Amino acid sequence: MEGRIKTFLPSKAYGFIEGDDGKSYFFHMQDFKPATARIEENLFVAFEETATPKGYRAKNVELIGGQIEYQEIFDGFRTSRKGKPNGTDVLFSAMVAVGDKDLDLAKRELAYMANRFGCNAVLNIVYSKETRSRGNYRYSYHNFTGECVVMSQKRFTRNRKQADQKNQEVKELLEKVDANYREYLEEERRKQRMKSLALMVGAAVILAVILIFQLR
């Protein structure tokens, strides 16, 4: 029987293989030949299937040769207060901070920033609330920080063309994400320069008014 390592817990030294028959087979590191074999999720294996009172089990597990590693980007979009899930890789990361008087708008702004870059997840989200005032008006202001990431999972195939195509797709995506992020940083720098210029002009106007009154 052949199959793919679906899950593996190194700390527990066991996992499960998804067989070509669609069934899930329990295995222990001791079931591998040789015992020093590299064990990673999504690797293809050959094994001897057995049935036990507790379920199906894989014996005499061996790695299938000629496997080529590639990265596959997760479909969809994910948000989490935690870091990357086990078994995933982060290929791009950028911290962003957003805020708004409206809580829902602040949440959407965080997701918008990630989508603008081309990321497929926001991890390590932190929320905070502060009270601001404008004259006698006091209001709540909602802040979010998060790590916009491109998240992928390591896969294996015996098809060189498939691996090359997948890796090229990832390369092109990362180049696009990096360009989008650099464009965002440049926009932020321009905004900061304009803000600094406005402050300088305002200060110059105030100084000029003071000098005029002193000369009268």
N, C-alpha and C. Protein backbone atom coordinates (compact mmCIF):
# COMPACT_ATOMS: atom_id res chain seq x y z
N MET A 1 0.85 -1.20 0.00
CA MET A 1 0.00 0.00 0.00
C MET A 1 0.88 1.25 0.00
N GLU A 2 0.43 2.25 -0.73
CA GLU A 2 1.11 3.54 -0.72
C GLU A 2 0.18 4.60 -0.15
N GLY A 3 0.77 5.70 0.31
CA GLY A 3 -0.03 6.77 0.88
C GLY A 3 0.82 7.99 1.16
N ARG A 4 0.26 8.91 1.94
CA ARG A 4 0.93 10.18 2.25
C ARG A 4 0.82 10.44 3.74
N ILE A 5 1.92 10.91 4.34
CA ILE A 5 1.89 11.24 5.76
C ILE A 5 1.00 12.47 5.94
N LYS A 6 -0.12 12.27 6.60
CA LYS A 6 -1.09 13.35 6.77
C LYS A 6 -0.75 14.21 7.97
N THR A 7 -0.44 13.58 9.09
CA THR A 7 -0.05 14.31 10.31
C THR A 7 1.09 13.57 10.99
N PHE A 8 1.96 14.35 11.66
CA PHE A 8 3.06 13.74 12.42
C PHE A 8 3.39 14.65 13.59
N LEU A 9 3.43 14.08 14.79
CA LEU A 9 3.77 14.81 16.00
C LEU A 9 5.13 14.34 16.50
N PRO A 10 6.20 15.10 16.21
CA PRO A 10 7.54 14.68 16.63
C PRO A 10 7.66 14.45 18.13
N SER A 11 6.98 15.29 18.92
CA SER A 11 7.08 15.16 20.38
C SER A 11 6.46 13.86 20.88
N LYS A 12 5.51 13.34 20.13
CA LYS A 12 4.85 12.08 20.51
C LYS A 12 5.38 10.89 19.71
N ALA A 13 6.13 11.17 18.66
CA ALA A 13 6.75 10.13 17.82
C ALA A 13 5.71 9.28 17.09
N TYR A 14 4.55 9.86 16.78
CA TYR A 14 3.57 9.10 16.00
C TYR A 14 2.79 10.04 15.09
N GLY A 15 2.03 9.44 14.19
CA GLY A 15 1.22 10.23 13.26
C GLY A 15 0.26 9.34 12.51
N PHE A 16 -0.27 9.88 11.40
CA PHE A 16 -1.24 9.14 10.60
C PHE A 16 -0.91 9.27 9.12
N ILE A 17 -1.11 8.17 8.41
CA ILE A 17 -0.89 8.12 6.97
C ILE A 17 -2.24 8.01 6.28
N GLU A 18 -2.43 8.84 5.26
CA GLU A 18 -3.63 8.73 4.43
C GLU A 18 -3.33 7.78 3.29
N GLY A 19 -3.90 6.58 3.33
CA GLY A 19 -3.62 5.58 2.32
C GLY A 19 -4.31 5.88 1.00
N ASP A 20 -3.83 5.23 -0.07
CA ASP A 20 -4.45 5.41 -1.38
C ASP A 20 -5.89 4.91 -1.39
N ASP A 21 -6.24 4.10 -0.40
CA ASP A 21 -7.61 3.59 -0.29
C ASP A 21 -8.52 4.55 0.45
N GLY A 22 -7.97 5.72 0.87
CA GLY A 22 -8.77 6.72 1.57
C GLY A 22 -8.86 6.52 3.06
N LYS A 23 -8.27 5.45 3.58
CA LYS A 23 -8.32 5.17 5.01
C LYS A 23 -7.14 5.82 5.73
N SER A 24 -7.31 6.04 7.04
CA SER A 24 -6.27 6.66 7.86
C SER A 24 -5.56 5.59 8.67
N TYR A 25 -4.23 5.53 8.56
CA TYR A 25 -3.43 4.50 9.23
C TYR A 25 -2.52 5.14 10.27
N PHE A 26 -2.61 4.64 11.50
CA PHE A 26 -1.73 5.09 12.57
C PHE A 26 -0.34 4.52 12.34
N PHE A 27 0.71 5.31 12.67
CA PHE A 27 2.08 4.77 12.63
C PHE A 27 2.90 5.37 13.76
N HIS A 28 3.93 4.66 14.13
CA HIS A 28 4.90 5.13 15.12
C HIS A 28 6.26 5.21 14.44
N MET A 29 7.13 6.07 14.95
CA MET A 29 8.46 6.21 14.35
C MET A 29 9.17 4.87 14.24
N GLN A 30 8.92 3.99 15.20
CA GLN A 30 9.57 2.68 15.19
C GLN A 30 9.12 1.82 14.01
N ASP A 31 8.01 2.21 13.37
CA ASP A 31 7.51 1.44 12.22
C ASP A 31 8.26 1.78 10.94
N PHE A 32 9.12 2.82 10.97
CA PHE A 32 9.84 3.22 9.78
C PHE A 32 11.09 2.39 9.55
N LYS A 33 11.40 2.17 8.27
CA LYS A 33 12.63 1.50 7.87
C LYS A 33 13.35 2.41 6.87
N PRO A 34 14.59 2.85 7.15
CA PRO A 34 15.29 2.68 8.43
C PRO A 34 14.70 3.60 9.50
N ALA A 35 15.08 3.35 10.74
CA ALA A 35 14.54 4.13 11.86
C ALA A 35 14.98 5.58 11.81
N THR A 36 16.05 5.88 11.07
CA THR A 36 16.58 7.25 10.97
C THR A 36 15.97 8.02 9.80
N ALA A 37 14.95 7.45 9.16
CA ALA A 37 14.34 8.10 7.99
C ALA A 37 13.77 9.47 8.36
N ARG A 38 13.85 10.40 7.41
CA ARG A 38 13.27 11.73 7.60
C ARG A 38 11.75 11.61 7.54
N ILE A 39 11.09 12.10 8.57
CA ILE A 39 9.63 12.02 8.63
C ILE A 39 9.06 13.43 8.60
N GLU A 40 8.31 13.72 7.55
CA GLU A 40 7.67 15.03 7.40
C GLU A 40 6.27 14.84 6.85
N GLU A 41 5.38 15.74 7.22
CA GLU A 41 4.03 15.69 6.67
C GLU A 41 4.07 15.87 5.16
N ASN A 42 3.18 15.14 4.47
CA ASN A 42 2.97 15.18 3.02
C ASN A 42 3.98 14.35 2.23
N LEU A 43 4.93 13.69 2.90
CA LEU A 43 5.83 12.78 2.19
C LEU A 43 5.07 11.53 1.77
N PHE A 44 5.42 10.99 0.61
CA PHE A 44 4.81 9.75 0.13
C PHE A 44 5.55 8.55 0.72
N VAL A 45 4.78 7.55 1.11
CA VAL A 45 5.37 6.36 1.74
C VAL A 45 4.70 5.10 1.21
N ALA A 46 5.43 4.00 1.36
CA ALA A 46 4.87 2.66 1.10
C ALA A 46 4.85 1.94 2.44
N PHE A 47 3.82 1.14 2.68
CA PHE A 47 3.71 0.49 3.99
C PHE A 47 2.86 -0.78 3.90
N GLU A 48 2.94 -1.54 4.95
CA GLU A 48 2.12 -2.75 5.09
C GLU A 48 0.93 -2.41 5.98
N GLU A 49 -0.26 -2.55 5.43
CA GLU A 49 -1.45 -2.19 6.20
C GLU A 49 -1.91 -3.35 7.08
N THR A 50 -2.28 -3.02 8.31
CA THR A 50 -2.79 -4.01 9.25
C THR A 50 -4.00 -3.44 9.97
N ALA A 51 -4.82 -4.33 10.51
CA ALA A 51 -5.99 -3.93 11.28
C ALA A 51 -5.81 -4.36 12.72
N THR A 52 -6.11 -3.46 13.65
CA THR A 52 -6.00 -3.76 15.08
C THR A 52 -7.35 -3.44 15.74
N PRO A 53 -7.54 -3.88 16.97
CA PRO A 53 -8.80 -3.56 17.67
C PRO A 53 -9.05 -2.05 17.77
N LYS A 54 -7.97 -1.24 17.71
CA LYS A 54 -8.12 0.22 17.83
C LYS A 54 -8.25 0.91 16.48
N GLY A 55 -8.09 0.16 15.38
CA GLY A 55 -8.19 0.77 14.06
C GLY A 55 -7.08 0.29 13.14
N TYR A 56 -6.89 0.99 12.03
CA TYR A 56 -5.89 0.60 11.05
C TYR A 56 -4.51 1.11 11.47
N ARG A 57 -3.49 0.29 11.14
CA ARG A 57 -2.12 0.66 11.50
C ARG A 57 -1.18 0.34 10.34
N ALA A 58 -0.16 1.19 10.17
CA ALA A 58 0.85 0.99 9.13
C ALA A 58 2.10 0.37 9.74
N LYS A 59 2.61 -0.67 9.10
CA LYS A 59 3.83 -1.34 9.53
C LYS A 59 4.85 -1.29 8.40
N ASN A 60 6.13 -1.44 8.77
CA ASN A 60 7.21 -1.49 7.77
C ASN A 60 7.09 -0.32 6.77
N VAL A 61 7.06 0.88 7.32
CA VAL A 61 6.88 2.08 6.50
C VAL A 61 8.21 2.50 5.87
N GLU A 62 8.18 2.80 4.57
CA GLU A 62 9.38 3.25 3.86
C GLU A 62 9.05 4.48 3.03
N LEU A 63 9.99 5.41 2.97
CA LEU A 63 9.83 6.57 2.10
C LEU A 63 9.97 6.15 0.65
N ILE A 64 9.12 6.69 -0.20
CA ILE A 64 9.22 6.43 -1.63
C ILE A 64 10.26 7.37 -2.23
N GLY A 65 11.16 6.84 -3.03
CA GLY A 65 12.25 7.64 -3.58
C GLY A 65 11.81 8.60 -4.67
N GLY A 66 12.70 9.55 -4.99
CA GLY A 66 12.46 10.48 -6.09
C GLY A 66 11.45 11.57 -5.81
N GLN A 67 11.26 11.92 -4.53
CA GLN A 67 10.28 12.95 -4.20
C GLN A 67 10.91 14.34 -4.27
N ILE A 68 10.15 15.28 -4.82
CA ILE A 68 10.63 16.64 -5.02
C ILE A 68 9.79 17.58 -4.16
N GLU A 69 10.47 18.44 -3.42
CA GLU A 69 9.79 19.36 -2.51
C GLU A 69 9.37 20.64 -3.23
N TYR A 70 8.19 21.15 -2.89
CA TYR A 70 7.76 22.45 -3.40
C TYR A 70 6.83 23.11 -2.37
N GLN A 71 6.59 24.41 -2.54
CA GLN A 71 5.71 25.15 -1.65
C GLN A 71 4.37 25.39 -2.34
N GLU A 72 3.30 25.21 -1.58
CA GLU A 72 1.96 25.47 -2.10
C GLU A 72 1.29 26.54 -1.24
N ILE A 73 0.82 27.60 -1.88
CA ILE A 73 0.18 28.70 -1.17
C ILE A 73 -1.22 28.29 -0.72
N PHE A 74 -1.56 28.64 0.52
CA PHE A 74 -2.90 28.35 1.02
C PHE A 74 -3.95 29.13 0.24
N ASP A 75 -5.07 28.48 -0.05
CA ASP A 75 -6.20 29.17 -0.66
C ASP A 75 -6.97 29.92 0.43
N GLY A 76 -7.73 30.93 0.00
CA GLY A 76 -8.56 31.65 0.95
C GLY A 76 -7.77 32.65 1.77
N PHE A 77 -8.41 33.14 2.82
CA PHE A 77 -7.81 34.17 3.68
C PHE A 77 -8.06 33.81 5.14
N ARG A 78 -7.02 33.94 5.98
CA ARG A 78 -7.13 33.56 7.39
C ARG A 78 -6.69 34.70 8.30
N THR A 79 -7.33 34.77 9.46
CA THR A 79 -6.91 35.71 10.50
C THR A 79 -6.79 34.96 11.82
N SER A 80 -5.83 35.36 12.65
CA SER A 80 -5.62 34.67 13.92
C SER A 80 -4.88 35.56 14.90
N ARG A 81 -5.22 35.41 16.18
CA ARG A 81 -4.46 36.10 17.23
C ARG A 81 -3.16 35.36 17.52
N LYS A 82 -3.02 34.16 16.98
CA LYS A 82 -1.83 33.34 17.22
C LYS A 82 -0.88 33.43 16.03
N GLY A 83 0.27 32.74 16.17
CA GLY A 83 1.24 32.70 15.09
C GLY A 83 0.85 31.66 14.04
N LYS A 84 1.80 31.31 13.21
CA LYS A 84 1.51 30.38 12.12
C LYS A 84 1.15 29.00 12.65
N PRO A 85 0.20 28.33 12.01
CA PRO A 85 -0.17 26.98 12.43
C PRO A 85 0.98 26.00 12.20
N ASN A 86 0.97 24.92 12.95
CA ASN A 86 1.98 23.88 12.76
C ASN A 86 1.91 23.34 11.33
N GLY A 87 3.08 23.04 10.79
CA GLY A 87 3.13 22.48 9.45
C GLY A 87 3.03 23.49 8.33
N THR A 88 3.13 24.78 8.68
CA THR A 88 3.07 25.83 7.65
C THR A 88 4.36 26.63 7.64
N ASP A 89 4.59 27.33 6.55
CA ASP A 89 5.75 28.21 6.40
C ASP A 89 5.27 29.62 6.08
N VAL A 90 5.99 30.62 6.58
CA VAL A 90 5.71 32.02 6.26
C VAL A 90 6.78 32.49 5.28
N LEU A 91 6.37 32.85 4.07
CA LEU A 91 7.30 33.24 3.02
C LEU A 91 7.49 34.75 2.93
N PHE A 92 6.54 35.50 3.49
CA PHE A 92 6.63 36.97 3.52
C PHE A 92 5.92 37.44 4.77
N SER A 93 6.46 38.50 5.40
CA SER A 93 5.86 39.01 6.63
C SER A 93 6.04 40.52 6.72
N ALA A 94 4.98 41.22 7.11
CA ALA A 94 5.05 42.67 7.30
C ALA A 94 4.07 43.07 8.40
N MET A 95 4.56 43.79 9.40
CA MET A 95 3.70 44.26 10.49
C MET A 95 2.99 45.54 10.06
N VAL A 96 1.70 45.62 10.37
CA VAL A 96 0.93 46.82 10.06
C VAL A 96 0.12 47.22 11.29
N ALA A 97 -0.24 48.49 11.35
CA ALA A 97 -1.07 49.01 12.44
C ALA A 97 -2.17 49.87 11.83
N VAL A 98 -3.40 49.65 12.27
CA VAL A 98 -4.54 50.41 11.77
C VAL A 98 -5.42 50.83 12.94
N GLY A 99 -6.30 51.78 12.71
CA GLY A 99 -7.20 52.22 13.76
C GLY A 99 -8.37 53.01 13.21
N ASP A 100 -9.49 53.00 13.96
CA ASP A 100 -10.66 53.75 13.53
C ASP A 100 -11.62 53.89 14.71
N LYS A 101 -12.50 54.89 14.63
CA LYS A 101 -13.52 55.05 15.66
C LYS A 101 -14.53 53.90 15.60
N ASP A 102 -14.71 53.36 14.40
CA ASP A 102 -15.65 52.26 14.20
C ASP A 102 -14.89 50.94 14.29
N LEU A 103 -15.29 50.06 15.20
CA LEU A 103 -14.58 48.79 15.41
C LEU A 103 -14.58 47.93 14.15
N ASP A 104 -15.73 47.82 13.48
CA ASP A 104 -15.81 47.00 12.28
C ASP A 104 -14.94 47.55 11.16
N LEU A 105 -14.91 48.87 11.03
CA LEU A 105 -14.06 49.48 10.01
C LEU A 105 -12.59 49.21 10.28
N ALA A 106 -12.20 49.24 11.55
CA ALA A 106 -10.80 48.96 11.91
C ALA A 106 -10.44 47.52 11.56
N LYS A 107 -11.36 46.59 11.82
CA LYS A 107 -11.12 45.18 11.47
C LYS A 107 -10.97 45.02 9.96
N ARG A 108 -11.87 45.66 9.22
CA ARG A 108 -11.82 45.54 7.76
C ARG A 108 -10.55 46.18 7.19
N GLU A 109 -10.08 47.25 7.83
CA GLU A 109 -8.87 47.91 7.36
C GLU A 109 -7.66 46.99 7.47
N LEU A 110 -7.62 46.19 8.54
CA LEU A 110 -6.52 45.25 8.72
C LEU A 110 -6.51 44.21 7.60
N ALA A 111 -7.69 43.68 7.30
CA ALA A 111 -7.80 42.70 6.21
C ALA A 111 -7.50 43.35 4.86
N TYR A 112 -7.93 44.61 4.70
CA TYR A 112 -7.67 45.33 3.45
C TYR A 112 -6.17 45.48 3.20
N MET A 113 -5.43 45.81 4.25
CA MET A 113 -3.99 45.98 4.10
C MET A 113 -3.34 44.69 3.61
N ALA A 114 -3.74 43.56 4.21
CA ALA A 114 -3.17 42.28 3.80
C ALA A 114 -3.52 41.97 2.35
N ASN A 115 -4.78 42.20 1.97
CA ASN A 115 -5.19 41.94 0.59
C ASN A 115 -4.49 42.88 -0.38
N ARG A 116 -4.24 44.09 0.06
CA ARG A 116 -3.54 45.05 -0.80
C ARG A 116 -2.14 44.55 -1.14
N PHE A 117 -1.46 43.99 -0.17
CA PHE A 117 -0.12 43.47 -0.42
C PHE A 117 -0.16 42.20 -1.27
N GLY A 118 -1.26 41.42 -1.13
CA GLY A 118 -1.34 40.12 -1.78
C GLY A 118 -1.13 38.99 -0.81
N CYS A 119 -1.24 39.28 0.50
CA CYS A 119 -1.05 38.25 1.53
C CYS A 119 -2.32 37.42 1.69
N ASN A 120 -2.17 36.24 2.27
CA ASN A 120 -3.34 35.37 2.45
C ASN A 120 -3.67 35.12 3.91
N ALA A 121 -3.04 35.88 4.82
CA ALA A 121 -3.35 35.71 6.25
C ALA A 121 -2.85 36.91 7.04
N VAL A 122 -3.51 37.15 8.18
CA VAL A 122 -3.02 38.11 9.17
C VAL A 122 -2.89 37.36 10.49
N LEU A 123 -1.68 37.29 11.02
CA LEU A 123 -1.41 36.53 12.24
C LEU A 123 -1.00 37.47 13.37
N ASN A 124 -0.95 36.92 14.58
CA ASN A 124 -0.51 37.67 15.77
C ASN A 124 -1.26 39.01 15.92
N ILE A 125 -2.57 38.96 15.74
CA ILE A 125 -3.39 40.17 15.83
C ILE A 125 -3.52 40.61 17.29
N VAL A 126 -3.28 41.89 17.53
CA VAL A 126 -3.41 42.47 18.87
C VAL A 126 -4.38 43.64 18.79
N TYR A 127 -5.35 43.65 19.69
CA TYR A 127 -6.36 44.71 19.73
C TYR A 127 -6.20 45.56 20.99
N SER A 128 -6.37 46.86 20.85
CA SER A 128 -6.36 47.76 22.01
C SER A 128 -7.35 48.89 21.76
N LYS A 129 -7.86 49.45 22.85
CA LYS A 129 -8.83 50.54 22.74
C LYS A 129 -8.38 51.70 23.60
N GLU A 130 -8.55 52.90 23.09
CA GLU A 130 -8.19 54.10 23.84
C GLU A 130 -9.32 55.12 23.75
N THR A 131 -9.31 56.06 24.66
CA THR A 131 -10.31 57.13 24.65
C THR A 131 -9.66 58.40 24.13
N ARG A 132 -10.26 58.97 23.10
CA ARG A 132 -9.76 60.22 22.54
C ARG A 132 -10.81 61.31 22.73
N SER A 133 -10.38 62.54 22.53
CA SER A 133 -11.33 63.65 22.70
C SER A 133 -11.08 64.72 21.65
N ARG A 134 -12.16 65.39 21.30
CA ARG A 134 -12.09 66.53 20.39
C ARG A 134 -13.01 67.60 20.97
N GLY A 135 -12.40 68.58 21.62
CA GLY A 135 -13.19 69.55 22.37
C GLY A 135 -13.83 68.86 23.56
N ASN A 136 -15.14 68.99 23.68
CA ASN A 136 -15.85 68.32 24.77
C ASN A 136 -16.32 66.92 24.39
N TYR A 137 -16.04 66.53 23.15
CA TYR A 137 -16.51 65.23 22.65
C TYR A 137 -15.46 64.16 22.93
N ARG A 138 -15.85 63.11 23.63
CA ARG A 138 -14.96 61.99 23.92
C ARG A 138 -15.48 60.75 23.19
N TYR A 139 -14.55 59.98 22.64
CA TYR A 139 -14.96 58.79 21.88
C TYR A 139 -13.90 57.69 22.00
N SER A 140 -14.33 56.47 21.72
CA SER A 140 -13.42 55.32 21.74
C SER A 140 -12.75 55.18 20.38
N TYR A 141 -11.47 54.81 20.42
CA TYR A 141 -10.71 54.60 19.20
C TYR A 141 -10.12 53.19 19.26
N HIS A 142 -10.35 52.40 18.20
CA HIS A 142 -9.97 50.99 18.19
C HIS A 142 -8.71 50.78 17.35
N ASN A 143 -7.71 50.17 17.95
CA ASN A 143 -6.43 49.92 17.29
C ASN A 143 -6.19 48.43 17.08
N PHE A 144 -5.63 48.10 15.93
CA PHE A 144 -5.22 46.72 15.65
C PHE A 144 -3.81 46.73 15.08
N THR A 145 -3.00 45.79 15.53
CA THR A 145 -1.73 45.51 14.87
C THR A 145 -1.77 44.04 14.45
N GLY A 146 -1.11 43.74 13.36
CA GLY A 146 -1.11 42.37 12.89
C GLY A 146 0.03 42.12 11.93
N GLU A 147 0.34 40.87 11.74
CA GLU A 147 1.42 40.46 10.84
C GLU A 147 0.81 39.93 9.54
N CYS A 148 0.91 40.72 8.49
CA CYS A 148 0.41 40.29 7.18
C CYS A 148 1.42 39.32 6.56
N VAL A 149 0.96 38.13 6.22
CA VAL A 149 1.89 37.11 5.76
C VAL A 149 1.38 36.41 4.50
N VAL A 150 2.34 35.84 3.79
CA VAL A 150 2.03 34.85 2.75
C VAL A 150 2.36 33.50 3.37
N MET A 151 1.34 32.69 3.55
CA MET A 151 1.50 31.42 4.26
C MET A 151 1.40 30.26 3.26
N SER A 152 2.29 29.30 3.42
CA SER A 152 2.32 28.16 2.51
C SER A 152 2.53 26.87 3.29
N GLN A 153 2.47 25.79 2.56
CA GLN A 153 2.72 24.48 3.17
C GLN A 153 3.65 23.69 2.26
N LYS A 154 4.58 22.99 2.89
CA LYS A 154 5.53 22.17 2.13
C LYS A 154 4.81 20.95 1.57
N ARG A 155 5.00 20.72 0.27
CA ARG A 155 4.40 19.56 -0.39
C ARG A 155 5.49 18.76 -1.10
N PHE A 156 5.13 17.56 -1.49
CA PHE A 156 6.08 16.70 -2.21
C PHE A 156 5.37 16.07 -3.41
N THR A 157 6.14 15.86 -4.47
CA THR A 157 5.60 15.23 -5.67
C THR A 157 6.72 14.44 -6.34
N ARG A 158 6.33 13.53 -7.21
CA ARG A 158 7.33 12.82 -8.01
C ARG A 158 7.34 13.35 -9.44
N ASN A 159 6.65 14.46 -9.64
CA ASN A 159 6.55 15.08 -10.96
C ASN A 159 7.37 16.37 -10.96
N ARG A 160 8.52 16.35 -11.62
CA ARG A 160 9.42 17.51 -11.64
C ARG A 160 8.74 18.72 -12.27
N LYS A 161 7.98 18.53 -13.33
CA LYS A 161 7.31 19.64 -14.00
C LYS A 161 6.31 20.32 -13.06
N GLN A 162 5.58 19.52 -12.31
CA GLN A 162 4.61 20.08 -11.36
C GLN A 162 5.31 20.91 -10.29
N ALA A 163 6.43 20.37 -9.75
CA ALA A 163 7.17 21.08 -8.71
C ALA A 163 7.73 22.40 -9.23
N ASP A 164 8.30 22.38 -10.43
CA ASP A 164 8.86 23.60 -11.02
C ASP A 164 7.78 24.65 -11.26
N GLN A 165 6.62 24.20 -11.73
CA GLN A 165 5.52 25.13 -11.99
C GLN A 165 5.03 25.77 -10.70
N LYS A 166 4.86 24.97 -9.65
CA LYS A 166 4.40 25.48 -8.36
C LYS A 166 5.40 26.48 -7.77
N ASN A 167 6.68 26.12 -7.83
CA ASN A 167 7.71 27.01 -7.28
C ASN A 167 7.80 28.32 -8.06
N GLN A 168 7.57 28.26 -9.37
CA GLN A 168 7.57 29.49 -10.18
C GLN A 168 6.39 30.37 -9.81
N GLU A 169 5.23 29.77 -9.57
CA GLU A 169 4.04 30.53 -9.16
C GLU A 169 4.29 31.24 -7.84
N VAL A 170 4.95 30.55 -6.91
CA VAL A 170 5.26 31.15 -5.61
C VAL A 170 6.24 32.30 -5.78
N LYS A 171 7.25 32.10 -6.61
CA LYS A 171 8.26 33.14 -6.86
C LYS A 171 7.60 34.40 -7.42
N GLU A 172 6.73 34.24 -8.40
CA GLU A 172 6.05 35.39 -9.01
C GLU A 172 5.14 36.10 -8.01
N LEU A 173 4.46 35.32 -7.17
CA LEU A 173 3.59 35.92 -6.15
C LEU A 173 4.39 36.75 -5.17
N LEU A 174 5.52 36.21 -4.69
CA LEU A 174 6.33 36.92 -3.71
C LEU A 174 6.92 38.20 -4.30
N GLU A 175 7.28 38.17 -5.57
CA GLU A 175 7.78 39.39 -6.23
C GLU A 175 6.69 40.46 -6.28
N LYS A 176 5.46 40.04 -6.56
CA LYS A 176 4.34 40.97 -6.61
C LYS A 176 4.03 41.54 -5.23
N VAL A 177 4.03 40.67 -4.21
CA VAL A 177 3.76 41.11 -2.84
C VAL A 177 4.82 42.10 -2.38
N ASP A 178 6.08 41.79 -2.66
CA ASP A 178 7.17 42.68 -2.26
C ASP A 178 7.03 44.05 -2.93
N ALA A 179 6.66 44.06 -4.21
CA ALA A 179 6.49 45.33 -4.93
C ALA A 179 5.33 46.13 -4.34
N ASN A 180 4.23 45.45 -4.01
CA ASN A 180 3.08 46.13 -3.41
C ASN A 180 3.44 46.73 -2.05
N TYR A 181 4.22 45.98 -1.28
CA TYR A 181 4.61 46.46 0.05
C TYR A 181 5.53 47.67 -0.06
N ARG A 182 6.48 47.62 -1.00
CA ARG A 182 7.39 48.76 -1.20
C ARG A 182 6.61 50.01 -1.64
N GLU A 183 5.60 49.81 -2.47
CA GLU A 183 4.76 50.93 -2.91
C GLU A 183 4.03 51.54 -1.71
N TYR A 184 3.53 50.69 -0.83
CA TYR A 184 2.85 51.16 0.38
C TYR A 184 3.80 51.96 1.26
N LEU A 185 5.02 51.45 1.46
CA LEU A 185 5.99 52.16 2.29
C LEU A 185 6.33 53.53 1.71
N GLU A 186 6.44 53.61 0.39
CA GLU A 186 6.75 54.88 -0.26
C GLU A 186 5.59 55.87 -0.07
N GLU A 187 4.36 55.38 -0.16
CA GLU A 187 3.20 56.24 0.08
C GLU A 187 3.21 56.78 1.51
N GLU A 188 3.54 55.92 2.46
CA GLU A 188 3.59 56.34 3.86
C GLU A 188 4.68 57.38 4.07
N ARG A 189 5.82 57.20 3.39
CA ARG A 189 6.91 58.18 3.51
C ARG A 189 6.49 59.53 2.92
N ARG A 190 5.76 59.50 1.80
CA ARG A 190 5.28 60.75 1.20
C ARG A 190 4.29 61.46 2.13
N LYS A 191 3.40 60.69 2.73
CA LYS A 191 2.45 61.28 3.68
C LYS A 191 3.17 61.93 4.85
N GLN A 192 4.21 61.25 5.34
CA GLN A 192 4.96 61.78 6.47
C GLN A 192 5.69 63.06 6.10
N ARG A 193 6.24 63.08 4.87
CA ARG A 193 6.93 64.30 4.41
C ARG A 193 5.95 65.45 4.27
N MET A 194 4.75 65.17 3.74
CA MET A 194 3.74 66.22 3.59
C MET A 194 3.29 66.73 4.96
N LYS A 195 3.16 65.82 5.91
CA LYS A 195 2.75 66.22 7.26
C LYS A 195 3.82 67.09 7.90
N SER A 196 5.09 66.70 7.72
CA SER A 196 6.19 67.49 8.28
C SER A 196 6.25 68.86 7.62
N LEU A 197 6.02 68.88 6.30
CA LEU A 197 6.04 70.16 5.58
C LEU A 197 4.91 71.07 6.07
N ALA A 198 3.73 70.49 6.29
CA ALA A 198 2.59 71.28 6.77
C ALA A 198 2.89 71.86 8.15
N LEU A 199 3.54 71.08 9.00
CA LEU A 199 3.90 71.57 10.33
C LEU A 199 4.90 72.71 10.24
N MET A 200 5.87 72.56 9.33
CA MET A 200 6.88 73.61 9.16
C MET A 200 6.25 74.89 8.64
N VAL A 201 5.33 74.75 7.68
CA VAL A 201 4.65 75.93 7.13
C VAL A 201 3.81 76.60 8.21
N GLY A 202 3.10 75.77 8.99
CA GLY A 202 2.28 76.31 10.07
C GLY A 202 3.12 77.06 11.08
N ALA A 203 4.27 76.47 11.44
CA ALA A 203 5.16 77.12 12.40
C ALA A 203 5.70 78.43 11.84
N ALA A 204 6.02 78.43 10.54
CA ALA A 204 6.55 79.65 9.91
C ALA A 204 5.50 80.75 9.90
N VAL A 205 4.24 80.38 9.63
CA VAL A 205 3.16 81.37 9.62
C VAL A 205 2.97 81.97 11.00
N ILE A 206 2.98 81.12 12.02
CA ILE A 206 2.82 81.60 13.40
C ILE A 206 3.95 82.54 13.78
N LEU A 207 5.18 82.15 13.40
CA LEU A 207 6.34 82.98 13.70
C LEU A 207 6.23 84.34 12.99
N ALA A 208 5.77 84.31 11.74
CA ALA A 208 5.63 85.56 10.99
C ALA A 208 4.60 86.48 11.64
N VAL A 209 3.49 85.90 12.10
CA VAL A 209 2.45 86.69 12.76
C VAL A 209 2.99 87.32 14.03
N ILE A 210 3.76 86.53 14.80
CA ILE A 210 4.34 87.05 16.05
C ILE A 210 5.28 88.21 15.76
N LEU A 211 6.11 88.07 14.73
CA LEU A 211 7.06 89.13 14.38
C LEU A 211 6.34 90.40 13.93
N ILE A 212 5.25 90.21 13.18
CA ILE A 212 4.49 91.37 12.72
C ILE A 212 3.93 92.15 13.89
N PHE A 213 3.36 91.44 14.86
CA PHE A 213 2.78 92.11 16.04
C PHE A 213 3.87 92.78 16.87
N GLN A 214 5.06 92.17 16.93
CA GLN A 214 6.16 92.77 17.70
C GLN A 214 6.67 94.05 17.05
N LEU A 215 6.59 94.12 15.72
CA LEU A 215 7.09 95.28 15.01
C LEU A 215 6.12 96.46 15.04
N ARG A 216 4.87 96.22 15.42
CA ARG A 216 3.88 97.30 15.46
C ARG A 216 4.12 98.21 16.65
